[in-house]
Amino acid sequence: MIKIIIKTDEDKIIGYNVFGHANFAPKGKDIVCSAVSSITQTAILGLNEVLKKNIIFEQDISLGFLKVMVNNPDKDSDLIIRTMALALERLEKIYPQNISVKYNKLN
Protein backbone atom coordinates (compact mmCIF):
# COMPACT_ATOMS: atom_id res chain seq x y z
CA MET A 1 0.00 0.00 0.00
CA ILE A 2 1.12 3.56 -0.74
CA LYS A 3 0.79 5.74 2.34
CA ILE A 4 0.68 9.50 1.98
CA ILE A 5 1.02 11.81 4.97
CA ILE A 6 0.11 15.45 4.37
CA LYS A 7 1.83 17.63 6.97
CA THR A 8 0.06 20.75 8.22
CA ASP A 9 1.08 23.54 10.56
CA GLU A 10 -1.72 25.77 11.82
CA ASP A 11 -3.67 26.63 8.66
CA LYS A 12 -1.12 25.73 5.96
CA ILE A 13 0.15 22.54 4.41
CA ILE A 14 3.92 22.48 4.82
CA GLY A 15 4.86 19.22 3.14
CA TYR A 16 4.11 15.59 2.46
CA ASN A 17 5.59 12.12 2.67
CA VAL A 18 4.85 9.24 0.33
CA PHE A 19 6.04 5.73 1.01
CA GLY A 20 5.35 2.18 -0.05
CA HIS A 21 4.17 0.45 -3.19
CA ALA A 22 0.59 0.10 -4.46
CA ASN A 23 0.97 -3.58 -5.45
CA PHE A 24 -1.99 -3.17 -7.80
CA ALA A 25 -0.13 -4.72 -10.72
CA PRO A 26 3.41 -5.88 -11.57
CA LYS A 27 6.20 -3.29 -11.69
CA GLY A 28 5.94 -1.22 -14.84
CA LYS A 29 2.20 -1.87 -15.22
CA ASP A 30 0.90 -0.48 -11.92
CA ILE A 31 -1.52 2.34 -12.79
CA VAL A 32 -2.04 3.30 -9.14
CA CYS A 33 1.70 3.74 -8.59
CA SER A 34 1.96 5.68 -11.83
CA ALA A 35 -0.90 8.00 -10.86
CA VAL A 36 0.52 8.71 -7.40
CA SER A 37 3.98 9.37 -8.86
CA SER A 38 2.60 11.71 -11.51
CA ILE A 39 0.47 13.67 -9.06
CA THR A 40 3.16 14.06 -6.40
CA GLN A 41 5.91 14.91 -8.90
CA THR A 42 3.66 17.49 -10.57
CA ALA A 43 3.22 19.18 -7.19
CA ILE A 44 7.01 19.38 -6.87
CA LEU A 45 7.21 20.99 -10.31
CA GLY A 46 4.54 23.52 -9.36
CA LEU A 47 6.27 24.41 -6.11
CA ASN A 48 9.78 24.51 -7.54
CA GLU A 49 9.38 25.74 -11.12
CA VAL A 50 6.18 27.80 -11.09
CA LEU A 51 6.27 29.32 -7.60
CA LYS A 52 10.08 29.27 -7.33
CA LYS A 53 9.69 27.98 -3.77
CA ASN A 54 12.65 26.72 -1.84
CA ILE A 55 11.70 23.12 -1.15
CA ILE A 56 13.56 20.27 0.45
CA PHE A 57 12.90 16.85 -0.98
CA GLU A 58 14.33 13.39 -0.69
CA GLN A 59 13.41 10.34 -2.66
CA ASP A 60 14.35 6.71 -3.02
CA ILE A 61 12.53 5.15 -5.94
CA SER A 62 13.39 1.57 -5.01
CA LEU A 63 11.84 2.02 -1.56
CA GLY A 64 8.92 4.04 -2.91
CA PHE A 65 9.84 6.97 -0.67
CA LEU A 66 9.35 10.72 -1.26
CA LYS A 67 9.56 13.50 1.33
CA VAL A 68 8.77 17.12 0.46
CA MET A 69 8.94 20.12 2.80
CA VAL A 70 8.23 23.72 1.78
CA ASN A 71 10.36 26.46 3.32
CA ASN A 72 8.20 29.49 4.07
CA PRO A 73 4.86 28.03 2.94
CA ASP A 74 2.26 30.52 1.78
CA LYS A 75 -1.20 30.63 0.21
CA ASP A 76 0.11 29.65 -3.23
CA SER A 77 2.13 26.65 -2.04
CA ASP A 78 -0.84 25.61 0.07
CA LEU A 79 -3.11 25.64 -3.00
CA ILE A 80 -0.74 23.45 -4.99
CA ILE A 81 -0.44 20.85 -2.25
CA ARG A 82 -4.19 20.95 -1.47
CA THR A 83 -4.89 20.27 -5.15
CA MET A 84 -2.44 17.35 -5.04
CA ALA A 85 -4.12 16.05 -1.87
CA LEU A 86 -7.57 16.27 -3.48
CA ALA A 87 -6.41 14.18 -6.45
CA LEU A 88 -4.83 11.60 -4.13
CA GLU A 89 -7.99 11.43 -1.99
CA ARG A 90 -10.03 10.71 -5.14
CA LEU A 91 -7.62 7.89 -6.00
CA GLU A 92 -7.97 6.57 -2.46
CA LYS A 93 -11.75 6.28 -2.93
CA ILE A 94 -11.26 4.23 -6.10
CA TYR A 95 -8.35 2.10 -4.81
CA PRO A 96 -8.78 1.90 -1.01
CA GLN A 97 -6.69 -1.28 -0.81
CA ASN A 98 -3.75 0.39 -2.52
CA ILE A 99 -3.51 3.97 -1.27
CA SER A 100 -4.06 5.75 2.04
CA VAL A 101 -4.07 9.53 2.60
CA LYS A 102 -3.77 10.94 6.12
CA TYR A 103 -3.16 14.39 7.58
CA ASN A 104 -0.66 15.04 10.36
CA LYS A 105 -0.87 18.36 12.19
CA LEU A 106 2.51 19.45 13.52
CA ASN A 107 2.76 21.48 16.76
PDB file of N, CA and C in Angstrom:
ATOM      1  N   MET A   1       0.834  -1.181   0.000  1.00  0.00           N
ATOM      2  CA  MET A   1       0.000   0.000   0.000  1.00  0.00           C
ATOM      3  C   MET A   1       0.882   1.248   0.000  1.00  0.00           C
ATOM      4  N   ILE A   2       0.452   2.261  -0.765  1.00  0.00           N
ATOM      5  CA  ILE A   2       1.122   3.557  -0.737  1.00  0.00           C
ATOM      6  C   ILE A   2       0.464   4.384   0.364  1.00  0.00           C
ATOM      7  N   LYS A   3       1.285   4.897   1.256  1.00  0.00           N
ATOM      8  CA  LYS A   3       0.787   5.742   2.344  1.00  0.00           C
ATOM      9  C   LYS A   3       1.285   7.161   2.118  1.00  0.00           C
ATOM     10  N   ILE A   4       0.354   8.099   2.158  1.00  0.00           N
ATOM     11  CA  ILE A   4       0.679   9.505   1.981  1.00  0.00           C
ATOM     12  C   ILE A   4       0.314  10.238   3.261  1.00  0.00           C
ATOM     13  N   ILE A   5       1.252  10.986   3.785  1.00  0.00           N
ATOM     14  CA  ILE A   5       1.023  11.807   4.973  1.00  0.00           C
ATOM     15  C   ILE A   5       1.170  13.258   4.540  1.00  0.00           C
ATOM     16  N   ILE A   6       0.093  14.029   4.671  1.00  0.00           N
ATOM     17  CA  ILE A   6       0.106  15.454   4.370  1.00  0.00           C
ATOM     18  C   ILE A   6       0.372  16.171   5.685  1.00  0.00           C
ATOM     19  N   LYS A   7       1.433  16.960   5.728  1.00  0.00           N
ATOM     20  CA  LYS A   7       1.827  17.632   6.969  1.00  0.00           C
ATOM     21  C   LYS A   7       1.303  19.065   6.991  1.00  0.00           C
ATOM     22  N   THR A   8       0.615  19.410   8.082  1.00  0.00           N
ATOM     23  CA  THR A   8       0.061  20.754   8.223  1.00  0.00           C
ATOM     24  C   THR A   8       0.635  21.426   9.469  1.00  0.00           C
ATOM     25  N   ASP A   9       0.647  22.737   9.420  1.00  0.00           N
ATOM     26  CA  ASP A   9       1.081  23.544  10.561  1.00  0.00           C
ATOM     27  C   ASP A   9       0.124  24.718  10.637  1.00  0.00           C
ATOM     28  N   GLU A  10      -0.680  24.761  11.677  1.00  0.00           N
ATOM     29  CA  GLU A  10      -1.724  25.766  11.819  1.00  0.00           C
ATOM     30  C   GLU A  10      -2.673  25.652  10.636  1.00  0.00           C
ATOM     31  N   ASP A  11      -2.706  26.648   9.759  1.00  0.00           N
ATOM     32  CA  ASP A  11      -3.673  26.628   8.665  1.00  0.00           C
ATOM     33  C   ASP A  11      -3.065  26.344   7.294  1.00  0.00           C
ATOM     34  N   LYS A  12      -1.776  25.985   7.238  1.00  0.00           N
ATOM     35  CA  LYS A  12      -1.119  25.734   5.958  1.00  0.00           C
ATOM     36  C   LYS A  12      -0.560  24.317   5.884  1.00  0.00           C
ATOM     37  N   ILE A  13      -0.536  23.807   4.664  1.00  0.00           N
ATOM     38  CA  ILE A  13       0.151  22.544   4.414  1.00  0.00           C
ATOM     39  C   ILE A  13       1.619  22.871   4.186  1.00  0.00           C
ATOM     40  N   ILE A  14       2.489  22.172   4.904  1.00  0.00           N
ATOM     41  CA  ILE A  14       3.921  22.484   4.818  1.00  0.00           C
ATOM     42  C   ILE A  14       4.744  21.403   4.119  1.00  0.00           C
ATOM     43  N   GLY A  15       4.121  20.267   3.821  1.00  0.00           N
ATOM     44  CA  GLY A  15       4.864  19.216   3.139  1.00  0.00           C
ATOM     45  C   GLY A  15       4.084  17.923   3.083  1.00  0.00           C
ATOM     46  N   TYR A  16       4.742  16.903   2.553  1.00  0.00           N
ATOM     47  CA  TYR A  16       4.110  15.590   2.464  1.00  0.00           C
ATOM     48  C   TYR A  16       5.155  14.495   2.340  1.00  0.00           C
ATOM     49  N   ASN A  17       4.773  13.321   2.806  1.00  0.00           N
ATOM     50  CA  ASN A  17       5.587  12.118   2.675  1.00  0.00           C
ATOM     51  C   ASN A  17       4.786  11.078   1.911  1.00  0.00           C
ATOM     52  N   VAL A  18       5.463  10.338   1.073  1.00  0.00           N
ATOM     53  CA  VAL A  18       4.848   9.238   0.327  1.00  0.00           C
ATOM     54  C   VAL A  18       5.762   8.041   0.508  1.00  0.00           C
ATOM     55  N   PHE A  19       5.197   6.911   0.901  1.00  0.00           N
ATOM     56  CA  PHE A  19       6.038   5.730   1.008  1.00  0.00           C
ATOM     57  C   PHE A  19       5.237   4.460   0.745  1.00  0.00           C
ATOM     58  N   GLY A  20       5.953   3.480   0.231  1.00  0.00           N
ATOM     59  CA  GLY A  20       5.353   2.184  -0.054  1.00  0.00           C
ATOM     60  C   GLY A  20       5.088   1.981  -1.536  1.00  0.00           C
ATOM     61  N   HIS A  21       4.514   0.829  -1.821  1.00  0.00           N
ATOM     62  CA  HIS A  21       4.171   0.449  -3.188  1.00  0.00           C
ATOM     63  C   HIS A  21       2.706   0.047  -3.235  1.00  0.00           C
ATOM     64  N   ALA A  22       2.033   0.364  -4.333  1.00  0.00           N
ATOM     65  CA  ALA A  22       0.594   0.097  -4.458  1.00  0.00           C
ATOM     66  C   ALA A  22       0.299  -1.397  -4.561  1.00  0.00           C
ATOM     67  N   ASN A  23       1.176  -2.136  -5.225  1.00  0.00           N
ATOM     68  CA  ASN A  23       0.969  -3.576  -5.445  1.00  0.00           C
ATOM     69  C   ASN A  23      -0.363  -3.869  -6.138  1.00  0.00           C
ATOM     70  N   PHE A  24      -0.775  -2.963  -7.015  1.00  0.00           N
ATOM     71  CA  PHE A  24      -1.991  -3.166  -7.800  1.00  0.00           C
ATOM     72  C   PHE A  24      -1.716  -4.083  -8.982  1.00  0.00           C
ATOM     73  N   ALA A  25      -0.526  -3.941  -9.545  1.00  0.00           N
ATOM     74  CA  ALA A  25      -0.126  -4.720 -10.721  1.00  0.00           C
ATOM     75  C   ALA A  25       1.393  -4.866 -10.681  1.00  0.00           C
ATOM     76  N   PRO A  26       1.951  -5.725 -11.545  1.00  0.00           N
ATOM     77  CA  PRO A  26       3.414  -5.881 -11.575  1.00  0.00           C
ATOM     78  C   PRO A  26       4.120  -4.559 -11.893  1.00  0.00           C
ATOM     79  N   LYS A  27       5.367  -4.472 -11.440  1.00  0.00           N
ATOM     80  CA  LYS A  27       6.200  -3.292 -11.685  1.00  0.00           C
ATOM     81  C   LYS A  27       6.184  -2.945 -13.176  1.00  0.00           C
ATOM     82  N   GLY A  28       5.991  -1.672 -13.456  1.00  0.00           N
ATOM     83  CA  GLY A  28       5.937  -1.216 -14.838  1.00  0.00           C
ATOM     84  C   GLY A  28       4.542  -1.204 -15.426  1.00  0.00           C
ATOM     85  N   LYS A  29       3.585  -1.821 -14.735  1.00  0.00           N
ATOM     86  CA  LYS A  29       2.199  -1.872 -15.215  1.00  0.00           C
ATOM     87  C   LYS A  29       1.208  -1.399 -14.152  1.00  0.00           C
ATOM     88  N   ASP A  30       1.733  -0.866 -13.066  1.00  0.00           N
ATOM     89  CA  ASP A  30       0.903  -0.482 -11.924  1.00  0.00           C
ATOM     90  C   ASP A  30       0.361   0.938 -12.122  1.00  0.00           C
ATOM     91  N   ILE A  31      -0.923   1.035 -12.508  1.00  0.00           N
ATOM     92  CA  ILE A  31      -1.517   2.345 -12.791  1.00  0.00           C
ATOM     93  C   ILE A  31      -1.709   3.182 -11.532  1.00  0.00           C
ATOM     94  N   VAL A  32      -1.880   2.543 -10.386  1.00  0.00           N
ATOM     95  CA  VAL A  32      -2.036   3.299  -9.135  1.00  0.00           C
ATOM     96  C   VAL A  32      -0.706   3.956  -8.776  1.00  0.00           C
ATOM     97  N   CYS A  33       0.364   3.206  -8.849  1.00  0.00           N
ATOM     98  CA  CYS A  33       1.700   3.742  -8.585  1.00  0.00           C
ATOM     99  C   CYS A  33       2.016   4.873  -9.561  1.00  0.00           C
ATOM    100  N   SER A  34       1.711   4.670 -10.817  1.00  0.00           N
ATOM    101  CA  SER A  34       1.961   5.682 -11.832  1.00  0.00           C
ATOM    102  C   SER A  34       1.179   6.963 -11.548  1.00  0.00           C
ATOM    103  N   ALA A  35      -0.078   6.826 -11.160  1.00  0.00           N
ATOM    104  CA  ALA A  35      -0.905   8.002 -10.864  1.00  0.00           C
ATOM    105  C   ALA A  35      -0.363   8.766  -9.665  1.00  0.00           C
ATOM    106  N   VAL A  36      -0.018   8.052  -8.600  1.00  0.00           N
ATOM    107  CA  VAL A  36       0.521   8.711  -7.402  1.00  0.00           C
ATOM    108  C   VAL A  36       1.833   9.417  -7.740  1.00  0.00           C
ATOM    109  N   SER A  37       2.701   8.761  -8.471  1.00  0.00           N
ATOM    110  CA  SER A  37       3.976   9.369  -8.860  1.00  0.00           C
ATOM    111  C   SER A  37       3.757  10.631  -9.684  1.00  0.00           C
ATOM    112  N   SER A  38       2.867  10.553 -10.652  1.00  0.00           N
ATOM    113  CA  SER A  38       2.600  11.713 -11.505  1.00  0.00           C
ATOM    114  C   SER A  38       2.041  12.889 -10.713  1.00  0.00           C
ATOM    115  N   ILE A  39       1.100  12.612  -9.850  1.00  0.00           N
ATOM    116  CA  ILE A  39       0.473  13.674  -9.061  1.00  0.00           C
ATOM    117  C   ILE A  39       1.478  14.319  -8.115  1.00  0.00           C
ATOM    118  N   THR A  40       2.232  13.506  -7.390  1.00  0.00           N
ATOM    119  CA  THR A  40       3.163  14.064  -6.400  1.00  0.00           C
ATOM    120  C   THR A  40       4.346  14.766  -7.061  1.00  0.00           C
ATOM    121  N   GLN A  41       4.811  14.258  -8.194  1.00  0.00           N
ATOM    122  CA  GLN A  41       5.914  14.912  -8.902  1.00  0.00           C
ATOM    123  C   GLN A  41       5.449  16.212  -9.556  1.00  0.00           C
ATOM    124  N   THR A  42       4.201  16.265 -10.004  1.00  0.00           N
ATOM    125  CA  THR A  42       3.660  17.495 -10.574  1.00  0.00           C
ATOM    126  C   THR A  42       3.580  18.584  -9.512  1.00  0.00           C
ATOM    127  N   ALA A  43       3.231  18.207  -8.287  1.00  0.00           N
ATOM    128  CA  ALA A  43       3.218  19.179  -7.191  1.00  0.00           C
ATOM    129  C   ALA A  43       4.615  19.743  -6.956  1.00  0.00           C
ATOM    130  N   ILE A  44       5.629  18.894  -7.018  1.00  0.00           N
ATOM    131  CA  ILE A  44       7.013  19.376  -6.868  1.00  0.00           C
ATOM    132  C   ILE A  44       7.341  20.377  -7.972  1.00  0.00           C
ATOM    133  N   LEU A  45       6.959  20.066  -9.199  1.00  0.00           N
ATOM    134  CA  LEU A  45       7.213  20.990 -10.306  1.00  0.00           C
ATOM    135  C   LEU A  45       6.512  22.332 -10.081  1.00  0.00           C
ATOM    136  N   GLY A  46       5.269  22.286  -9.624  1.00  0.00           N
ATOM    137  CA  GLY A  46       4.543  23.520  -9.357  1.00  0.00           C
ATOM    138  C   GLY A  46       5.208  24.360  -8.284  1.00  0.00           C
ATOM    139  N   LEU A  47       5.614  23.700  -7.211  1.00  0.00           N
ATOM    140  CA  LEU A  47       6.266  24.412  -6.108  1.00  0.00           C
ATOM    141  C   LEU A  47       7.616  24.981  -6.540  1.00  0.00           C
ATOM    142  N   ASN A  48       8.405  24.159  -7.202  1.00  0.00           N
ATOM    143  CA  ASN A  48       9.779  24.515  -7.542  1.00  0.00           C
ATOM    144  C   ASN A  48       9.879  25.413  -8.773  1.00  0.00           C
ATOM    145  N   GLU A  49       9.211  25.046  -9.838  1.00  0.00           N
ATOM    146  CA  GLU A  49       9.378  25.739 -11.120  1.00  0.00           C
ATOM    147  C   GLU A  49       8.407  26.903 -11.316  1.00  0.00           C
ATOM    148  N   VAL A  50       7.169  26.747 -10.878  1.00  0.00           N
ATOM    149  CA  VAL A  50       6.180  27.801 -11.086  1.00  0.00           C
ATOM    150  C   VAL A  50       6.266  28.850  -9.977  1.00  0.00           C
ATOM    151  N   LEU A  51       6.240  28.391  -8.725  1.00  0.00           N
ATOM    152  CA  LEU A  51       6.269  29.323  -7.603  1.00  0.00           C
ATOM    153  C   LEU A  51       7.683  29.743  -7.194  1.00  0.00           C
ATOM    154  N   LYS A  52       8.676  29.000  -7.698  1.00  0.00           N
ATOM    155  CA  LYS A  52      10.075  29.265  -7.330  1.00  0.00           C
ATOM    156  C   LYS A  52      10.288  29.143  -5.822  1.00  0.00           C
ATOM    157  N   LYS A  53       9.571  28.215  -5.204  1.00  0.00           N
ATOM    158  CA  LYS A  53       9.686  27.982  -3.769  1.00  0.00           C
ATOM    159  C   LYS A  53      10.946  27.192  -3.468  1.00  0.00           C
ATOM    160  N   ASN A  54      11.526  27.491  -2.325  1.00  0.00           N
ATOM    161  CA  ASN A  54      12.655  26.722  -1.836  1.00  0.00           C
ATOM    162  C   ASN A  54      12.066  25.498  -1.125  1.00  0.00           C
ATOM    163  N   ILE A  55      12.230  24.349  -1.747  1.00  0.00           N
ATOM    164  CA  ILE A  55      11.703  23.118  -1.153  1.00  0.00           C
ATOM    165  C   ILE A  55      12.859  22.167  -0.853  1.00  0.00           C
ATOM    166  N   ILE A  56      12.615  21.332   0.112  1.00  0.00           N
ATOM    167  CA  ILE A  56      13.561  20.273   0.450  1.00  0.00           C
ATOM    168  C   ILE A  56      12.862  18.967   0.100  1.00  0.00           C
ATOM    169  N   PHE A  57      13.505  18.151  -0.720  1.00  0.00           N
ATOM    170  CA  PHE A  57      12.900  16.847  -0.977  1.00  0.00           C
ATOM    171  C   PHE A  57      13.944  15.763  -1.069  1.00  0.00           C
ATOM    172  N   GLU A  58      13.523  14.598  -0.627  1.00  0.00           N
ATOM    173  CA  GLU A  58      14.334  13.387  -0.686  1.00  0.00           C
ATOM    174  C   GLU A  58      13.497  12.326  -1.354  1.00  0.00           C
ATOM    175  N   GLN A  59      14.154  11.460  -2.103  1.00  0.00           N
ATOM    176  CA  GLN A  59      13.411  10.342  -2.665  1.00  0.00           C
ATOM    177  C   GLN A  59      14.313   9.131  -2.844  1.00  0.00           C
ATOM    178  N   ASP A  60      13.698   7.984  -2.751  1.00  0.00           N
ATOM    179  CA  ASP A  60      14.349   6.707  -3.021  1.00  0.00           C
ATOM    180  C   ASP A  60      13.329   5.876  -3.788  1.00  0.00           C
ATOM    181  N   ILE A  61      13.502   5.812  -5.082  1.00  0.00           N
ATOM    182  CA  ILE A  61      12.528   5.153  -5.944  1.00  0.00           C
ATOM    183  C   ILE A  61      12.375   3.681  -5.605  1.00  0.00           C
ATOM    184  N   SER A  62      13.477   3.004  -5.304  1.00  0.00           N
ATOM    185  CA  SER A  62      13.392   1.565  -5.013  1.00  0.00           C
ATOM    186  C   SER A  62      12.567   1.280  -3.762  1.00  0.00           C
ATOM    187  N   LEU A  63      12.629   2.190  -2.787  1.00  0.00           N
ATOM    188  CA  LEU A  63      11.840   2.024  -1.560  1.00  0.00           C
ATOM    189  C   LEU A  63      10.450   2.623  -1.684  1.00  0.00           C
ATOM    190  N   GLY A  64      10.200   3.362  -2.762  1.00  0.00           N
ATOM    191  CA  GLY A  64       8.922   4.037  -2.908  1.00  0.00           C
ATOM    192  C   GLY A  64       8.773   5.142  -1.879  1.00  0.00           C
ATOM    193  N   PHE A  65       9.824   5.941  -1.712  1.00  0.00           N
ATOM    194  CA  PHE A  65       9.839   6.974  -0.673  1.00  0.00           C
ATOM    195  C   PHE A  65      10.035   8.357  -1.284  1.00  0.00           C
ATOM    196  N   LEU A  66       9.210   9.321  -0.853  1.00  0.00           N
ATOM    197  CA  LEU A  66       9.351  10.715  -1.256  1.00  0.00           C
ATOM    198  C   LEU A  66       8.981  11.581  -0.063  1.00  0.00           C
ATOM    199  N   LYS A  67       9.826  12.548   0.248  1.00  0.00           N
ATOM    200  CA  LYS A  67       9.564  13.496   1.332  1.00  0.00           C
ATOM    201  C   LYS A  67       9.748  14.893   0.773  1.00  0.00           C
ATOM    202  N   VAL A  68       8.732  15.742   0.955  1.00  0.00           N
ATOM    203  CA  VAL A  68       8.774  17.115   0.463  1.00  0.00           C
ATOM    204  C   VAL A  68       8.401  18.059   1.601  1.00  0.00           C
ATOM    205  N   MET A  69       9.227  19.073   1.812  1.00  0.00           N
ATOM    206  CA  MET A  69       8.935  20.119   2.800  1.00  0.00           C
ATOM    207  C   MET A  69       9.115  21.468   2.114  1.00  0.00           C
ATOM    208  N   VAL A  70       8.187  22.387   2.377  1.00  0.00           N
ATOM    209  CA  VAL A  70       8.233  23.719   1.784  1.00  0.00           C
ATOM    210  C   VAL A  70       8.782  24.694   2.821  1.00  0.00           C
ATOM    211  N   ASN A  71       9.852  25.382   2.463  1.00  0.00           N
ATOM    212  CA  ASN A  71      10.364  26.458   3.321  1.00  0.00           C
ATOM    213  C   ASN A  71       9.493  27.684   3.093  1.00  0.00           C
ATOM    214  N   ASN A  72       9.062  28.306   4.155  1.00  0.00           N
ATOM    215  CA  ASN A  72       8.204  29.489   4.069  1.00  0.00           C
ATOM    216  C   ASN A  72       6.930  29.238   3.246  1.00  0.00           C
ATOM    217  N   PRO A  73       6.097  28.285   3.682  1.00  0.00           N
ATOM    218  CA  PRO A  73       4.858  28.029   2.942  1.00  0.00           C
ATOM    219  C   PRO A  73       3.948  29.260   2.957  1.00  0.00           C
ATOM    220  N   ASP A  74       3.188  29.406   1.879  1.00  0.00           N
ATOM    221  CA  ASP A  74       2.258  30.520   1.777  1.00  0.00           C
ATOM    222  C   ASP A  74       0.971  30.042   1.114  1.00  0.00           C
ATOM    223  N   LYS A  75       0.089  30.972   0.802  1.00  0.00           N
ATOM    224  CA  LYS A  75      -1.201  30.631   0.212  1.00  0.00           C
ATOM    225  C   LYS A  75      -1.033  29.865  -1.104  1.00  0.00           C
ATOM    226  N   ASP A  76      -0.093  30.299  -1.924  1.00  0.00           N
ATOM    227  CA  ASP A  76       0.106  29.650  -3.226  1.00  0.00           C
ATOM    228  C   ASP A  76       0.625  28.219  -3.082  1.00  0.00           C
ATOM    229  N   SER A  77       1.614  28.015  -2.231  1.00  0.00           N
ATOM    230  CA  SER A  77       2.134  26.649  -2.037  1.00  0.00           C
ATOM    231  C   SER A  77       1.057  25.770  -1.424  1.00  0.00           C
ATOM    232  N   ASP A  78       0.260  26.344  -0.540  1.00  0.00           N
ATOM    233  CA  ASP A  78      -0.842  25.613   0.074  1.00  0.00           C
ATOM    234  C   ASP A  78      -1.842  25.144  -0.985  1.00  0.00           C
ATOM    235  N   LEU A  79      -2.161  26.006  -1.939  1.00  0.00           N
ATOM    236  CA  LEU A  79      -3.110  25.638  -3.002  1.00  0.00           C
ATOM    237  C   LEU A  79      -2.586  24.494  -3.862  1.00  0.00           C
ATOM    238  N   ILE A  80      -1.306  24.527  -4.179  1.00  0.00           N
ATOM    239  CA  ILE A  80      -0.736  23.450  -4.994  1.00  0.00           C
ATOM    240  C   ILE A  80      -0.814  22.122  -4.247  1.00  0.00           C
ATOM    241  N   ILE A  81      -0.428  22.114  -2.985  1.00  0.00           N
ATOM    242  CA  ILE A  81      -0.436  20.851  -2.246  1.00  0.00           C
ATOM    243  C   ILE A  81      -1.863  20.408  -1.934  1.00  0.00           C
ATOM    244  N   ARG A  82      -2.779  21.326  -1.682  1.00  0.00           N
ATOM    245  CA  ARG A  82      -4.186  20.949  -1.469  1.00  0.00           C
ATOM    246  C   ARG A  82      -4.790  20.319  -2.724  1.00  0.00           C
ATOM    247  N   THR A  83      -4.421  20.847  -3.882  1.00  0.00           N
ATOM    248  CA  THR A  83      -4.894  20.269  -5.146  1.00  0.00           C
ATOM    249  C   THR A  83      -4.338  18.855  -5.318  1.00  0.00           C
ATOM    250  N   MET A  84      -3.049  18.681  -5.009  1.00  0.00           N
ATOM    251  CA  MET A  84      -2.440  17.349  -5.044  1.00  0.00           C
ATOM    252  C   MET A  84      -3.184  16.406  -4.106  1.00  0.00           C
ATOM    253  N   ALA A  85      -3.445  16.872  -2.878  1.00  0.00           N
ATOM    254  CA  ALA A  85      -4.122  16.046  -1.874  1.00  0.00           C
ATOM    255  C   ALA A  85      -5.516  15.649  -2.344  1.00  0.00           C
ATOM    256  N   LEU A  86      -6.230  16.571  -2.965  1.00  0.00           N
ATOM    257  CA  LEU A  86      -7.570  16.266  -3.478  1.00  0.00           C
ATOM    258  C   LEU A  86      -7.521  15.150  -4.516  1.00  0.00           C
ATOM    259  N   ALA A  87      -6.558  15.229  -5.428  1.00  0.00           N
ATOM    260  CA  ALA A  87      -6.408  14.183  -6.450  1.00  0.00           C
ATOM    261  C   ALA A  87      -6.079  12.836  -5.804  1.00  0.00           C
ATOM    262  N   LEU A  88      -5.205  12.847  -4.807  1.00  0.00           N
ATOM    263  CA  LEU A  88      -4.832  11.601  -4.130  1.00  0.00           C
ATOM    264  C   LEU A  88      -6.005  11.029  -3.333  1.00  0.00           C
ATOM    265  N   GLU A  89      -6.808  11.896  -2.726  1.00  0.00           N
ATOM    266  CA  GLU A  89      -7.992  11.428  -1.991  1.00  0.00           C
ATOM    267  C   GLU A  89      -9.006  10.789  -2.935  1.00  0.00           C
ATOM    268  N   ARG A  90      -9.132  11.319  -4.144  1.00  0.00           N
ATOM    269  CA  ARG A  90     -10.026  10.706  -5.135  1.00  0.00           C
ATOM    270  C   ARG A  90      -9.523   9.316  -5.525  1.00  0.00           C
ATOM    271  N   LEU A  91      -8.204   9.204  -5.706  1.00  0.00           N
ATOM    272  CA  LEU A  91      -7.619   7.889  -6.003  1.00  0.00           C
ATOM    273  C   LEU A  91      -7.866   6.914  -4.859  1.00  0.00           C
ATOM    274  N   GLU A  92      -7.751   7.407  -3.638  1.00  0.00           N
ATOM    275  CA  GLU A  92      -7.967   6.569  -2.462  1.00  0.00           C
ATOM    276  C   GLU A  92      -9.383   5.994  -2.450  1.00  0.00           C
ATOM    277  N   LYS A  93     -10.361   6.767  -2.880  1.00  0.00           N
ATOM    278  CA  LYS A  93     -11.748   6.279  -2.926  1.00  0.00           C
ATOM    279  C   LYS A  93     -11.914   5.158  -3.944  1.00  0.00           C
ATOM    280  N   ILE A  94     -11.173   5.244  -5.041  1.00  0.00           N
ATOM    281  CA  ILE A  94     -11.263   4.229  -6.100  1.00  0.00           C
ATOM    282  C   ILE A  94     -10.435   2.992  -5.754  1.00  0.00           C
ATOM    283  N   TYR A  95      -9.286   3.190  -5.123  1.00  0.00           N
ATOM    284  CA  TYR A  95      -8.352   2.100  -4.813  1.00  0.00           C
ATOM    285  C   TYR A  95      -8.027   2.070  -3.318  1.00  0.00           C
ATOM    286  N   PRO A  96      -9.023   1.840  -2.453  1.00  0.00           N
ATOM    287  CA  PRO A  96      -8.776   1.903  -1.006  1.00  0.00           C
ATOM    288  C   PRO A  96      -7.829   0.828  -0.480  1.00  0.00           C
ATOM    289  N   GLN A  97      -7.624  -0.230  -1.226  1.00  0.00           N
ATOM    290  CA  GLN A  97      -6.695  -1.277  -0.811  1.00  0.00           C
ATOM    291  C   GLN A  97      -5.253  -0.957  -1.182  1.00  0.00           C
ATOM    292  N   ASN A  98      -5.076   0.099  -1.979  1.00  0.00           N
ATOM    293  CA  ASN A  98      -3.749   0.388  -2.518  1.00  0.00           C
ATOM    294  C   ASN A  98      -3.164   1.727  -2.121  1.00  0.00           C
ATOM    295  N   ILE A  99      -3.996   2.636  -1.611  1.00  0.00           N
ATOM    296  CA  ILE A  99      -3.514   3.968  -1.272  1.00  0.00           C
ATOM    297  C   ILE A  99      -4.249   4.488  -0.024  1.00  0.00           C
ATOM    298  N   SER A 100      -3.498   5.161   0.821  1.00  0.00           N
ATOM    299  CA  SER A 100      -4.055   5.751   2.044  1.00  0.00           C
ATOM    300  C   SER A 100      -3.528   7.182   2.155  1.00  0.00           C
ATOM    301  N   VAL A 101      -4.442   8.130   2.405  1.00  0.00           N
ATOM    302  CA  VAL A 101      -4.067   9.531   2.596  1.00  0.00           C
ATOM    303  C   VAL A 101      -4.477   9.962   3.995  1.00  0.00           C
ATOM    304  N   LYS A 102      -3.519  10.479   4.743  1.00  0.00           N
ATOM    305  CA  LYS A 102      -3.771  10.944   6.121  1.00  0.00           C
ATOM    306  C   LYS A 102      -3.161  12.333   6.279  1.00  0.00           C
ATOM    307  N   TYR A 103      -3.690  13.056   7.247  1.00  0.00           N
ATOM    308  CA  TYR A 103      -3.161  14.385   7.578  1.00  0.00           C
ATOM    309  C   TYR A 103      -2.520  14.320   8.951  1.00  0.00           C
ATOM    310  N   ASN A 104      -1.394  15.007   9.091  1.00  0.00           N
ATOM    311  CA  ASN A 104      -0.659  15.039  10.358  1.00  0.00           C
ATOM    312  C   ASN A 104      -0.395  16.492  10.704  1.00  0.00           C
ATOM    313  N   LYS A 105      -1.068  16.981  11.762  1.00  0.00           N
ATOM    314  CA  LYS A 105      -0.866  18.357  12.188  1.00  0.00           C
ATOM    315  C   LYS A 105       0.352  18.423  13.102  1.00  0.00           C
ATOM    316  N   LEU A 106       1.315  19.260  12.720  1.00  0.00           N
ATOM    317  CA  LEU A 106       2.514  19.448  13.521  1.00  0.00           C
ATOM    318  C   LEU A 106       2.274  20.581  14.495  1.00  0.00           C
ATOM    319  N   ASN A 107       2.883  20.486  15.661  1.00  0.00           N
ATOM    320  CA  ASN A 107       2.759  21.479  16.757  1.00  0.00           C
ATOM    321  C   ASN A 107       1.420  21.415  17.375  1.00  0.00           C
TER     322      ASN A 107
END
